[in-house]
Amino acid sequence: VDVVLGVDTRAAGRTDDLGETVDYGLLAKAVKATIESESVNLVETLA
C-alpha cells in the first residue's frame, strides 16, 4: 500500500510538535493492521 495525504504542516513546522501533524509511524502500523485484518473480496474495499 502507498498513501499520499494532503496535510497542512505549517503549525507543525512552527511548533516542532508531532501532535500538529500525522505520526506516520503509527499510521503505517495501522495501515498494515488493516491489510492483515478482516478479509474482503475486492482491493477497492481494502483501499
ModelCIF file with pLDDT and N, C-alpha, C, O atoms, coordinates in Angstrom:
data_MODEL
#
_entry.id   MODEL 
#
_entity.id                         1 
_entity.type                       polymer 
_entity.pdbx_number_of_molecules   1 
#
_entity_poly.entity_id                      1 
_entity_poly.type                           'polypeptide(L)' 
_entity_poly.nstd_linkage                   no 
_entity_poly.nstd_monomer                   no 
_entity_poly.pdbx_seq_one_letter_code       VDVVLGVDTRAAGRTDDLGETVDYGLLAKAVKATIESESVNLVETLA 
_entity_poly.pdbx_seq_one_letter_code_can   VDVVLGVDTRAAGRTDDLGETVDYGLLAKAVKATIESESVNLVETLA 
_entity_poly.pdbx_strand_id                 A 
#
loop_
_entity_poly_seq.entity_id 
_entity_poly_seq.num 
_entity_poly_seq.mon_id 
_entity_poly_seq.hetero 
1 1  VAL n 
1 2  ASP n 
1 3  VAL n 
1 4  VAL n 
1 5  LEU n 
1 6  GLY n 
1 7  VAL n 
1 8  ASP n 
1 9  THR n 
1 10 ARG n 
1 11 ALA n 
1 12 ALA n 
1 13 GLY n 
1 14 ARG n 
1 15 THR n 
1 16 ASP n 
1 17 ASP n 
1 18 LEU n 
1 19 GLY n 
1 20 GLU n 
1 21 THR n 
1 22 VAL n 
1 23 ASP n 
1 24 TYR n 
1 25 GLY n 
1 26 LEU n 
1 27 LEU n 
1 28 ALA n 
1 29 LYS n 
1 30 ALA n 
1 31 VAL n 
1 32 LYS n 
1 33 ALA n 
1 34 THR n 
1 35 ILE n 
1 36 GLU n 
1 37 SER n 
1 38 GLU n 
1 39 SER n 
1 40 VAL n 
1 41 ASN n 
1 42 LEU n 
1 43 VAL n 
1 44 GLU n 
1 45 THR n 
1 46 LEU n 
1 47 ALA n 
#
_struct_asym.id          A 
_struct_asym.entity_id   1 
#
loop_
_ma_qa_metric.id 
_ma_qa_metric.mode 
_ma_qa_metric.name 
_ma_qa_metric.software_group_id 
_ma_qa_metric.type 
1 global pLDDT . pLDDT 
2 local  pLDDT . pLDDT 
#
_ma_qa_metric_global.metric_id      1 
_ma_qa_metric_global.metric_value   96.38 
_ma_qa_metric_global.model_id       1 
_ma_qa_metric_global.ordinal_id     1 
#
loop_
_ma_qa_metric_local.label_asym_id 
_ma_qa_metric_local.label_comp_id 
_ma_qa_metric_local.label_seq_id 
_ma_qa_metric_local.metric_id 
_ma_qa_metric_local.metric_value 
_ma_qa_metric_local.model_id 
_ma_qa_metric_local.ordinal_id 
A VAL 1  2 98.00 1 1  
A ASP 2  2 98.00 1 2  
A VAL 3  2 98.00 1 3  
A VAL 4  2 98.00 1 4  
A LEU 5  2 98.00 1 5  
A GLY 6  2 97.00 1 6  
A VAL 7  2 96.00 1 7  
A ASP 8  2 92.00 1 8  
A THR 9  2 93.00 1 9  
A ARG 10 2 93.00 1 10 
A ALA 11 2 93.00 1 11 
A ALA 12 2 94.00 1 12 
A GLY 13 2 94.00 1 13 
A ARG 14 2 96.00 1 14 
A THR 15 2 96.00 1 15 
A ASP 16 2 96.00 1 16 
A ASP 17 2 95.00 1 17 
A LEU 18 2 95.00 1 18 
A GLY 19 2 93.00 1 19 
A GLU 20 2 94.00 1 20 
A THR 21 2 94.00 1 21 
A VAL 22 2 96.00 1 22 
A ASP 23 2 96.00 1 23 
A TYR 24 2 96.00 1 24 
A GLY 25 2 97.00 1 25 
A LEU 26 2 97.00 1 26 
A LEU 27 2 98.00 1 27 
A ALA 28 2 98.00 1 28 
A LYS 29 2 98.00 1 29 
A ALA 30 2 98.00 1 30 
A VAL 31 2 98.00 1 31 
A LYS 32 2 98.00 1 32 
A ALA 33 2 98.00 1 33 
A THR 34 2 98.00 1 34 
A ILE 35 2 98.00 1 35 
A GLU 36 2 98.00 1 36 
A SER 37 2 96.00 1 37 
A GLU 38 2 95.00 1 38 
A SER 39 2 96.00 1 39 
A VAL 40 2 97.00 1 40 
A ASN 41 2 97.00 1 41 
A LEU 42 2 97.00 1 42 
A VAL 43 2 97.00 1 43 
A GLU 44 2 98.00 1 44 
A THR 45 2 98.00 1 45 
A LEU 46 2 98.00 1 46 
A ALA 47 2 98.00 1 47 
#
loop_
_atom_site.group_PDB 
_atom_site.id 
_atom_site.type_symbol 
_atom_site.label_atom_id 
_atom_site.label_alt_id 
_atom_site.label_comp_id 
_atom_site.label_asym_id 
_atom_site.label_entity_id 
_atom_site.label_seq_id 
_atom_site.pdbx_PDB_ins_code 
_atom_site.Cartn_x 
_atom_site.Cartn_y 
_atom_site.Cartn_z 
_atom_site.occupancy 
_atom_site.B_iso_or_equiv 
_atom_site.pdbx_formal_charge 
_atom_site.auth_seq_id 
_atom_site.auth_comp_id 
_atom_site.auth_asym_id 
_atom_site.auth_atom_id 
_atom_site.pdbx_PDB_model_num 
ATOM 1   N N  . VAL A 1 1  ? 0.838   -1.201  0.000  1.00 98.00 ? 1  VAL A N  1 
ATOM 2   C CA . VAL A 1 1  ? 0.000   0.000   0.000  1.00 98.00 ? 1  VAL A CA 1 
ATOM 3   C C  . VAL A 1 1  ? 0.871   1.248   0.000  1.00 98.00 ? 1  VAL A C  1 
ATOM 4   O O  . VAL A 1 1  ? 1.866   1.342   0.718  1.00 98.00 ? 1  VAL A O  1 
ATOM 5   N N  . ASP A 1 2  ? 0.463   2.202   -0.830 1.00 98.00 ? 2  ASP A N  1 
ATOM 6   C CA . ASP A 1 2  ? 1.037   3.542   -0.833 1.00 98.00 ? 2  ASP A CA 1 
ATOM 7   C C  . ASP A 1 2  ? -0.063  4.515   -0.439 1.00 98.00 ? 2  ASP A C  1 
ATOM 8   O O  . ASP A 1 2  ? -1.192  4.406   -0.916 1.00 98.00 ? 2  ASP A O  1 
ATOM 9   N N  . VAL A 1 3  ? 0.261   5.458   0.424  1.00 98.00 ? 3  VAL A N  1 
ATOM 10  C CA . VAL A 1 3  ? -0.690  6.525   0.745  1.00 98.00 ? 3  VAL A CA 1 
ATOM 11  C C  . VAL A 1 3  ? -0.001  7.865   0.561  1.00 98.00 ? 3  VAL A C  1 
ATOM 12  O O  . VAL A 1 3  ? 1.168   8.038   0.906  1.00 98.00 ? 3  VAL A O  1 
ATOM 13  N N  . VAL A 1 4  ? -0.748  8.804   0.013  1.00 98.00 ? 4  VAL A N  1 
ATOM 14  C CA . VAL A 1 4  ? -0.324  10.188  -0.079 1.00 98.00 ? 4  VAL A CA 1 
ATOM 15  C C  . VAL A 1 4  ? -1.429  10.997  0.576  1.00 98.00 ? 4  VAL A C  1 
ATOM 16  O O  . VAL A 1 4  ? -2.602  10.872  0.222  1.00 98.00 ? 4  VAL A O  1 
ATOM 17  N N  . LEU A 1 5  ? -1.036  11.837  1.545  1.00 98.00 ? 5  LEU A N  1 
ATOM 18  C CA . LEU A 1 5  ? -2.016  12.572  2.341  1.00 98.00 ? 5  LEU A CA 1 
ATOM 19  C C  . LEU A 1 5  ? -1.848  14.066  2.148  1.00 98.00 ? 5  LEU A C  1 
ATOM 20  O O  . LEU A 1 5  ? -0.727  14.573  2.107  1.00 98.00 ? 5  LEU A O  1 
ATOM 21  N N  . GLY A 1 6  ? -2.952  14.762  2.030  1.00 97.00 ? 6  GLY A N  1 
ATOM 22  C CA . GLY A 1 6  ? -2.936  16.219  1.995  1.00 97.00 ? 6  GLY A CA 1 
ATOM 23  C C  . GLY A 1 6  ? -3.022  16.741  3.413  1.00 97.00 ? 6  GLY A C  1 
ATOM 24  O O  . GLY A 1 6  ? -4.027  16.550  4.098  1.00 97.00 ? 6  GLY A O  1 
ATOM 25  N N  . VAL A 1 7  ? -1.957  17.404  3.850  1.00 96.00 ? 7  VAL A N  1 
ATOM 26  C CA . VAL A 1 7  ? -1.850  17.866  5.239  1.00 96.00 ? 7  VAL A CA 1 
ATOM 27  C C  . VAL A 1 7  ? -1.299  19.289  5.244  1.00 96.00 ? 7  VAL A C  1 
ATOM 28  O O  . VAL A 1 7  ? -0.370  19.605  4.501  1.00 96.00 ? 7  VAL A O  1 
ATOM 29  N N  . ASP A 1 8  ? -1.871  20.130  6.074  1.00 92.00 ? 8  ASP A N  1 
ATOM 30  C CA . ASP A 1 8  ? -1.300  21.460  6.276  1.00 92.00 ? 8  ASP A CA 1 
ATOM 31  C C  . ASP A 1 8  ? -0.307  21.344  7.424  1.00 92.00 ? 8  ASP A C  1 
ATOM 32  O O  . ASP A 1 8  ? -0.700  21.214  8.583  1.00 92.00 ? 8  ASP A O  1 
ATOM 33  N N  . THR A 1 9  ? 0.983   21.392  7.099  1.00 93.00 ? 9  THR A N  1 
ATOM 34  C CA . THR A 1 9  ? 2.016   21.162  8.110  1.00 93.00 ? 9  THR A CA 1 
ATOM 35  C C  . THR A 1 9  ? 2.602   22.456  8.678  1.00 93.00 ? 9  THR A C  1 
ATOM 36  O O  . THR A 1 9  ? 3.614   22.422  9.378  1.00 93.00 ? 9  THR A O  1 
ATOM 37  N N  . ARG A 1 10 ? 1.971   23.593  8.382  1.00 93.00 ? 10 ARG A N  1 
ATOM 38  C CA . ARG A 1 10 ? 2.537   24.862  8.866  1.00 93.00 ? 10 ARG A CA 1 
ATOM 39  C C  . ARG A 1 10 ? 2.629   24.919  10.388 1.00 93.00 ? 10 ARG A C  1 
ATOM 40  O O  . ARG A 1 10 ? 3.642   25.362  10.928 1.00 93.00 ? 10 ARG A O  1 
ATOM 41  N N  . ALA A 1 11 ? 1.585   24.475  11.083 1.00 93.00 ? 11 ALA A N  1 
ATOM 42  C CA . ALA A 1 11 ? 1.606   24.523  12.558 1.00 93.00 ? 11 ALA A CA 1 
ATOM 43  C C  . ALA A 1 11 ? 2.729   23.636  13.095 1.00 93.00 ? 11 ALA A C  1 
ATOM 44  O O  . ALA A 1 11 ? 3.453   24.037  14.006 1.00 93.00 ? 11 ALA A O  1 
ATOM 45  N N  . ALA A 1 12 ? 2.875   22.434  12.536 1.00 94.00 ? 12 ALA A N  1 
ATOM 46  C CA . ALA A 1 12 ? 3.935   21.530  12.984 1.00 94.00 ? 12 ALA A CA 1 
ATOM 47  C C  . ALA A 1 12 ? 5.307   22.131  12.703 1.00 94.00 ? 12 ALA A C  1 
ATOM 48  O O  . ALA A 1 12 ? 6.225   22.009  13.513 1.00 94.00 ? 12 ALA A O  1 
ATOM 49  N N  . GLY A 1 13 ? 5.438   22.775  11.556 1.00 94.00 ? 13 GLY A N  1 
ATOM 50  C CA . GLY A 1 13 ? 6.707   23.403  11.213 1.00 94.00 ? 13 GLY A CA 1 
ATOM 51  C C  . GLY A 1 13 ? 7.082   24.535  12.152 1.00 94.00 ? 13 GLY A C  1 
ATOM 52  O O  . GLY A 1 13 ? 8.258   24.750  12.446 1.00 94.00 ? 13 GLY A O  1 
ATOM 53  N N  . ARG A 1 14 ? 6.070   25.254  12.619 1.00 96.00 ? 14 ARG A N  1 
ATOM 54  C CA . ARG A 1 14 ? 6.327   26.359  13.551 1.00 96.00 ? 14 ARG A CA 1 
ATOM 55  C C  . ARG A 1 14 ? 6.606   25.872  14.964 1.00 96.00 ? 14 ARG A C  1 
ATOM 56  O O  . ARG A 1 14 ? 7.476   26.411  15.647 1.00 96.00 ? 14 ARG A O  1 
ATOM 57  N N  . THR A 1 15 ? 5.867   24.845  15.410 1.00 96.00 ? 15 THR A N  1 
ATOM 58  C CA . THR A 1 15 ? 5.947   24.415  16.811 1.00 96.00 ? 15 THR A CA 1 
ATOM 59  C C  . THR A 1 15 ? 6.890   23.241  17.037 1.00 96.00 ? 15 THR A C  1 
ATOM 60  O O  . THR A 1 15 ? 7.294   22.984  18.171 1.00 96.00 ? 15 THR A O  1 
ATOM 61  N N  . ASP A 1 16 ? 7.244   22.528  15.975 1.00 96.00 ? 16 ASP A N  1 
ATOM 62  C CA . ASP A 1 16 ? 8.058   21.322  16.088 1.00 96.00 ? 16 ASP A CA 1 
ATOM 63  C C  . ASP A 1 16 ? 7.376   20.286  16.978 1.00 96.00 ? 16 ASP A C  1 
ATOM 64  O O  . ASP A 1 16 ? 8.038   19.563  17.723 1.00 96.00 ? 16 ASP A O  1 
ATOM 65  N N  . ASP A 1 17 ? 6.040   20.221  16.894 1.00 95.00 ? 17 ASP A N  1 
ATOM 66  C CA . ASP A 1 17 ? 5.215   19.366  17.745 1.00 95.00 ? 17 ASP A CA 1 
ATOM 67  C C  . ASP A 1 17 ? 4.565   18.281  16.896 1.00 95.00 ? 17 ASP A C  1 
ATOM 68  O O  . ASP A 1 17 ? 3.800   18.582  15.980 1.00 95.00 ? 17 ASP A O  1 
ATOM 69  N N  . LEU A 1 18 ? 4.864   17.025  17.196 1.00 95.00 ? 18 LEU A N  1 
ATOM 70  C CA . LEU A 1 18 ? 4.290   15.897  16.466 1.00 95.00 ? 18 LEU A CA 1 
ATOM 71  C C  . LEU A 1 18 ? 2.767   15.901  16.532 1.00 95.00 ? 18 LEU A C  1 
ATOM 72  O O  . LEU A 1 18 ? 2.110   15.417  15.610 1.00 95.00 ? 18 LEU A O  1 
ATOM 73  N N  . GLY A 1 19 ? 2.205   16.431  17.589 1.00 93.00 ? 19 GLY A N  1 
ATOM 74  C CA . GLY A 1 19 ? 0.753   16.484  17.733 1.00 93.00 ? 19 GLY A CA 1 
ATOM 75  C C  . GLY A 1 19 ? 0.070   17.373  16.712 1.00 93.00 ? 19 GLY A C  1 
ATOM 76  O O  . GLY A 1 19 ? -1.154  17.338  16.584 1.00 93.00 ? 19 GLY A O  1 
ATOM 77  N N  . GLU A 1 20 ? 0.838   18.168  15.984 1.00 94.00 ? 20 GLU A N  1 
ATOM 78  C CA . GLU A 1 20 ? 0.280   19.081  14.987 1.00 94.00 ? 20 GLU A CA 1 
ATOM 79  C C  . GLU A 1 20 ? 0.285   18.491  13.577 1.00 94.00 ? 20 GLU A C  1 
ATOM 80  O O  . GLU A 1 20 ? -0.104  19.162  12.621 1.00 94.00 ? 20 GLU A O  1 
ATOM 81  N N  . THR A 1 21 ? 0.728   17.233  13.449 1.00 94.00 ? 21 THR A N  1 
ATOM 82  C CA . THR A 1 21 ? 0.813   16.604  12.135 1.00 94.00 ? 21 THR A CA 1 
ATOM 83  C C  . THR A 1 21 ? 0.437   15.132  12.255 1.00 94.00 ? 21 THR A C  1 
ATOM 84  O O  . THR A 1 21 ? -0.164  14.721  13.247 1.00 94.00 ? 21 THR A O  1 
ATOM 85  N N  . VAL A 1 22 ? 0.785   14.350  11.259 1.00 96.00 ? 22 VAL A N  1 
ATOM 86  C CA . VAL A 1 22 ? 0.494   12.913  11.258 1.00 96.00 ? 22 VAL A CA 1 
ATOM 87  C C  . VAL A 1 22 ? 1.706   12.160  11.805 1.00 96.00 ? 22 VAL A C  1 
ATOM 88  O O  . VAL A 1 22 ? 2.832   12.364  11.352 1.00 96.00 ? 22 VAL A O  1 
ATOM 89  N N  . ASP A 1 23 ? 1.465   11.303  12.767 1.00 96.00 ? 23 ASP A N  1 
ATOM 90  C CA . ASP A 1 23 ? 2.511   10.402  13.246 1.00 96.00 ? 23 ASP A CA 1 
ATOM 91  C C  . ASP A 1 23 ? 2.568   9.249   12.240 1.00 96.00 ? 23 ASP A C  1 
ATOM 92  O O  . ASP A 1 23 ? 1.816   8.280   12.353 1.00 96.00 ? 23 ASP A O  1 
ATOM 93  N N  . TYR A 1 24 ? 3.453   9.361   11.272 1.00 96.00 ? 24 TYR A N  1 
ATOM 94  C CA . TYR A 1 24 ? 3.460   8.394   10.187 1.00 96.00 ? 24 TYR A CA 1 
ATOM 95  C C  . TYR A 1 24 ? 3.891   7.003   10.632 1.00 96.00 ? 24 TYR A C  1 
ATOM 96  O O  . TYR A 1 24 ? 3.556   6.021   9.971  1.00 96.00 ? 24 TYR A O  1 
ATOM 97  N N  . GLY A 1 25 ? 4.615   6.896   11.721 1.00 97.00 ? 25 GLY A N  1 
ATOM 98  C CA . GLY A 1 25 ? 4.958   5.573   12.246 1.00 97.00 ? 25 GLY A CA 1 
ATOM 99  C C  . GLY A 1 25 ? 3.716   4.840   12.724 1.00 97.00 ? 25 GLY A C  1 
ATOM 100 O O  . GLY A 1 25 ? 3.526   3.663   12.417 1.00 97.00 ? 25 GLY A O  1 
ATOM 101 N N  . LEU A 1 26 ? 2.873   5.535   13.473 1.00 97.00 ? 26 LEU A N  1 
ATOM 102 C CA . LEU A 1 26 ? 1.621   4.933   13.943 1.00 97.00 ? 26 LEU A CA 1 
ATOM 103 C C  . LEU A 1 26 ? 0.674   4.662   12.788 1.00 97.00 ? 26 LEU A C  1 
ATOM 104 O O  . LEU A 1 26 ? 0.001   3.631   12.763 1.00 97.00 ? 26 LEU A O  1 
ATOM 105 N N  . LEU A 1 27 ? 0.618   5.588   11.824 1.00 98.00 ? 27 LEU A N  1 
ATOM 106 C CA . LEU A 1 27 ? -0.263  5.383   10.681 1.00 98.00 ? 27 LEU A CA 1 
ATOM 107 C C  . LEU A 1 27 ? 0.173   4.165   9.867  1.00 98.00 ? 27 LEU A C  1 
ATOM 108 O O  . LEU A 1 27 ? -0.671  3.377   9.440  1.00 98.00 ? 27 LEU A O  1 
ATOM 109 N N  . ALA A 1 28 ? 1.467   4.003   9.648  1.00 98.00 ? 28 ALA A N  1 
ATOM 110 C CA . ALA A 1 28 ? 1.958   2.847   8.896  1.00 98.00 ? 28 ALA A CA 1 
ATOM 111 C C  . ALA A 1 28 ? 1.565   1.541   9.583  1.00 98.00 ? 28 ALA A C  1 
ATOM 112 O O  . ALA A 1 28 ? 1.165   0.584   8.919  1.00 98.00 ? 28 ALA A O  1 
ATOM 113 N N  . LYS A 1 29 ? 1.679   1.501   10.902 1.00 98.00 ? 29 LYS A N  1 
ATOM 114 C CA . LYS A 1 29 ? 1.273   0.302   11.649 1.00 98.00 ? 29 LYS A CA 1 
ATOM 115 C C  . LYS A 1 29 ? -0.222  0.046   11.488 1.00 98.00 ? 29 LYS A C  1 
ATOM 116 O O  . LYS A 1 29 ? -0.646  -1.101  11.345 1.00 98.00 ? 29 LYS A O  1 
ATOM 117 N N  . ALA A 1 30 ? -1.021  1.113   11.512 1.00 98.00 ? 30 ALA A N  1 
ATOM 118 C CA . ALA A 1 30 ? -2.475  0.963   11.368 1.00 98.00 ? 30 ALA A CA 1 
ATOM 119 C C  . ALA A 1 30 ? -2.854  0.501   9.967  1.00 98.00 ? 30 ALA A C  1 
ATOM 120 O O  . ALA A 1 30 ? -3.779  -0.296  9.808  1.00 98.00 ? 30 ALA A O  1 
ATOM 121 N N  . VAL A 1 31 ? -2.153  0.992   8.952  1.00 98.00 ? 31 VAL A N  1 
ATOM 122 C CA . VAL A 1 31 ? -2.403  0.526   7.583  1.00 98.00 ? 31 VAL A CA 1 
ATOM 123 C C  . VAL A 1 31 ? -2.050  -0.950  7.468  1.00 98.00 ? 31 VAL A C  1 
ATOM 124 O O  . VAL A 1 31 ? -2.815  -1.723  6.893  1.00 98.00 ? 31 VAL A O  1 
ATOM 125 N N  . LYS A 1 32 ? -0.909  -1.350  8.005  1.00 98.00 ? 32 LYS A N  1 
ATOM 126 C CA . LYS A 1 32 ? -0.512  -2.767  7.981  1.00 98.00 ? 32 LYS A CA 1 
ATOM 127 C C  . LYS A 1 32 ? -1.561  -3.628  8.691  1.00 98.00 ? 32 LYS A C  1 
ATOM 128 O O  . LYS A 1 32 ? -1.922  -4.700  8.204  1.00 98.00 ? 32 LYS A O  1 
ATOM 129 N N  . ALA A 1 33 ? -2.042  -3.161  9.830  1.00 98.00 ? 33 ALA A N  1 
ATOM 130 C CA . ALA A 1 33 ? -3.069  -3.903  10.570 1.00 98.00 ? 33 ALA A CA 1 
ATOM 131 C C  . ALA A 1 33 ? -4.355  -4.025  9.743  1.00 98.00 ? 33 ALA A C  1 
ATOM 132 O O  . ALA A 1 33 ? -5.035  -5.049  9.806  1.00 98.00 ? 33 ALA A O  1 
ATOM 133 N N  . THR A 1 34 ? -4.685  -3.004  8.983  1.00 98.00 ? 34 THR A N  1 
ATOM 134 C CA . THR A 1 34 ? -5.873  -3.049  8.129  1.00 98.00 ? 34 THR A CA 1 
ATOM 135 C C  . THR A 1 34 ? -5.688  -4.064  7.015  1.00 98.00 ? 34 THR A C  1 
ATOM 136 O O  . THR A 1 34 ? -6.614  -4.811  6.700  1.00 98.00 ? 34 THR A O  1 
ATOM 137 N N  . ILE A 1 35 ? -4.510  -4.103  6.419  1.00 98.00 ? 35 ILE A N  1 
ATOM 138 C CA . ILE A 1 35 ? -4.219  -5.110  5.386  1.00 98.00 ? 35 ILE A CA 1 
ATOM 139 C C  . ILE A 1 35 ? -4.403  -6.508  5.972  1.00 98.00 ? 35 ILE A C  1 
ATOM 140 O O  . ILE A 1 35 ? -4.946  -7.395  5.313  1.00 98.00 ? 35 ILE A O  1 
ATOM 141 N N  . GLU A 1 36 ? -3.955  -6.699  7.198  1.00 98.00 ? 36 GLU A N  1 
ATOM 142 C CA . GLU A 1 36 ? -3.930  -8.028  7.809  1.00 98.00 ? 36 GLU A CA 1 
ATOM 143 C C  . GLU A 1 36 ? -5.202  -8.364  8.586  1.00 98.00 ? 36 GLU A C  1 
ATOM 144 O O  . GLU A 1 36 ? -5.280  -9.418  9.216  1.00 98.00 ? 36 GLU A O  1 
ATOM 145 N N  . SER A 1 37 ? -6.197  -7.480  8.547  1.00 96.00 ? 37 SER A N  1 
ATOM 146 C CA . SER A 1 37 ? -7.425  -7.717  9.306  1.00 96.00 ? 37 SER A CA 1 
ATOM 147 C C  . SER A 1 37 ? -8.459  -8.451  8.453  1.00 96.00 ? 37 SER A C  1 
ATOM 148 O O  . SER A 1 37 ? -8.110  -9.163  7.512  1.00 96.00 ? 37 SER A O  1 
ATOM 149 N N  . GLU A 1 38 ? -9.684  -8.274  8.782  1.00 95.00 ? 38 GLU A N  1 
ATOM 150 C CA . GLU A 1 38 ? -10.815 -8.975  8.166  1.00 95.00 ? 38 GLU A CA 1 
ATOM 151 C C  . GLU A 1 38 ? -10.734 -9.026  6.641  1.00 95.00 ? 38 GLU A C  1 
ATOM 152 O O  . GLU A 1 38 ? -10.486 -8.017  5.981  1.00 95.00 ? 38 GLU A O  1 
ATOM 153 N N  . SER A 1 39 ? -10.946 -10.206 6.107  1.00 96.00 ? 39 SER A N  1 
ATOM 154 C CA . SER A 1 39 ? -10.881 -10.421 4.663  1.00 96.00 ? 39 SER A CA 1 
ATOM 155 C C  . SER A 1 39 ? -12.012 -9.710  3.932  1.00 96.00 ? 39 SER A C  1 
ATOM 156 O O  . SER A 1 39 ? -13.133 -9.604  4.431  1.00 96.00 ? 39 SER A O  1 
ATOM 157 N N  . VAL A 1 40 ? -11.688 -9.226  2.739  1.00 97.00 ? 40 VAL A N  1 
ATOM 158 C CA . VAL A 1 40 ? -12.684 -8.639  1.844  1.00 97.00 ? 40 VAL A CA 1 
ATOM 159 C C  . VAL A 1 40 ? -12.492 -9.259  0.461  1.00 97.00 ? 40 VAL A C  1 
ATOM 160 O O  . VAL A 1 40 ? -11.445 -9.836  0.167  1.00 97.00 ? 40 VAL A O  1 
ATOM 161 N N  . ASN A 1 41 ? -13.497 -9.134  -0.365 1.00 97.00 ? 41 ASN A N  1 
ATOM 162 C CA . ASN A 1 41 ? -13.397 -9.660  -1.725 1.00 97.00 ? 41 ASN A CA 1 
ATOM 163 C C  . ASN A 1 41 ? -12.521 -8.787  -2.624 1.00 97.00 ? 41 ASN A C  1 
ATOM 164 O O  . ASN A 1 41 ? -11.711 -9.300  -3.396 1.00 97.00 ? 41 ASN A O  1 
ATOM 165 N N  . LEU A 1 42 ? -12.686 -7.476  -2.522 1.00 97.00 ? 42 LEU A N  1 
ATOM 166 C CA . LEU A 1 42 ? -12.133 -6.560  -3.513 1.00 97.00 ? 42 LEU A CA 1 
ATOM 167 C C  . LEU A 1 42 ? -11.028 -5.668  -2.954 1.00 97.00 ? 42 LEU A C  1 
ATOM 168 O O  . LEU A 1 42 ? -11.088 -5.237  -1.803 1.00 97.00 ? 42 LEU A O  1 
ATOM 169 N N  . VAL A 1 43 ? -10.020 -5.397  -3.782 1.00 97.00 ? 43 VAL A N  1 
ATOM 170 C CA . VAL A 1 43 ? -8.991  -4.434  -3.385 1.00 97.00 ? 43 VAL A CA 1 
ATOM 171 C C  . VAL A 1 43 ? -9.594  -3.037  -3.262 1.00 97.00 ? 43 VAL A C  1 
ATOM 172 O O  . VAL A 1 43 ? -9.069  -2.202  -2.526 1.00 97.00 ? 43 VAL A O  1 
ATOM 173 N N  . GLU A 1 44 ? -10.687 -2.774  -3.972 1.00 98.00 ? 44 GLU A N  1 
ATOM 174 C CA . GLU A 1 44 ? -11.382 -1.490  -3.843 1.00 98.00 ? 44 GLU A CA 1 
ATOM 175 C C  . GLU A 1 44 ? -11.901 -1.298  -2.418 1.00 98.00 ? 44 GLU A C  1 
ATOM 176 O O  . GLU A 1 44 ? -11.831 -0.197  -1.870 1.00 98.00 ? 44 GLU A O  1 
ATOM 177 N N  . THR A 1 45 ? -12.414 -2.360  -1.826 1.00 98.00 ? 45 THR A N  1 
ATOM 178 C CA . THR A 1 45 ? -12.919 -2.287  -0.449 1.00 98.00 ? 45 THR A CA 1 
ATOM 179 C C  . THR A 1 45 ? -11.766 -2.064  0.526  1.00 98.00 ? 45 THR A C  1 
ATOM 180 O O  . THR A 1 45 ? -11.884 -1.266  1.456  1.00 98.00 ? 45 THR A O  1 
ATOM 181 N N  . LEU A 1 46 ? -10.664 -2.760  0.318  1.00 98.00 ? 46 LEU A N  1 
ATOM 182 C CA . LEU A 1 46 ? -9.494  -2.574  1.168  1.00 98.00 ? 46 LEU A CA 1 
ATOM 183 C C  . LEU A 1 46 ? -8.981  -1.140  1.052  1.00 98.00 ? 46 LEU A C  1 
ATOM 184 O O  . LEU A 1 46 ? -8.652  -0.518  2.062  1.00 98.00 ? 46 LEU A O  1 
ATOM 185 N N  . ALA A 1 47 ? -8.912  -0.616  -0.159 1.00 98.00 ? 47 ALA A N  1 
ATOM 186 C CA . ALA A 1 47 ? -8.462  0.770   -0.360 1.00 98.00 ? 47 ALA A CA 1 
ATOM 187 C C  . ALA A 1 47 ? -9.382  1.757   0.361  1.00 98.00 ? 47 ALA A C  1 
ATOM 188 O O  . ALA A 1 47 ? -9.158  2.966   0.303  1.00 98.00 ? 47 ALA A O  1 
#
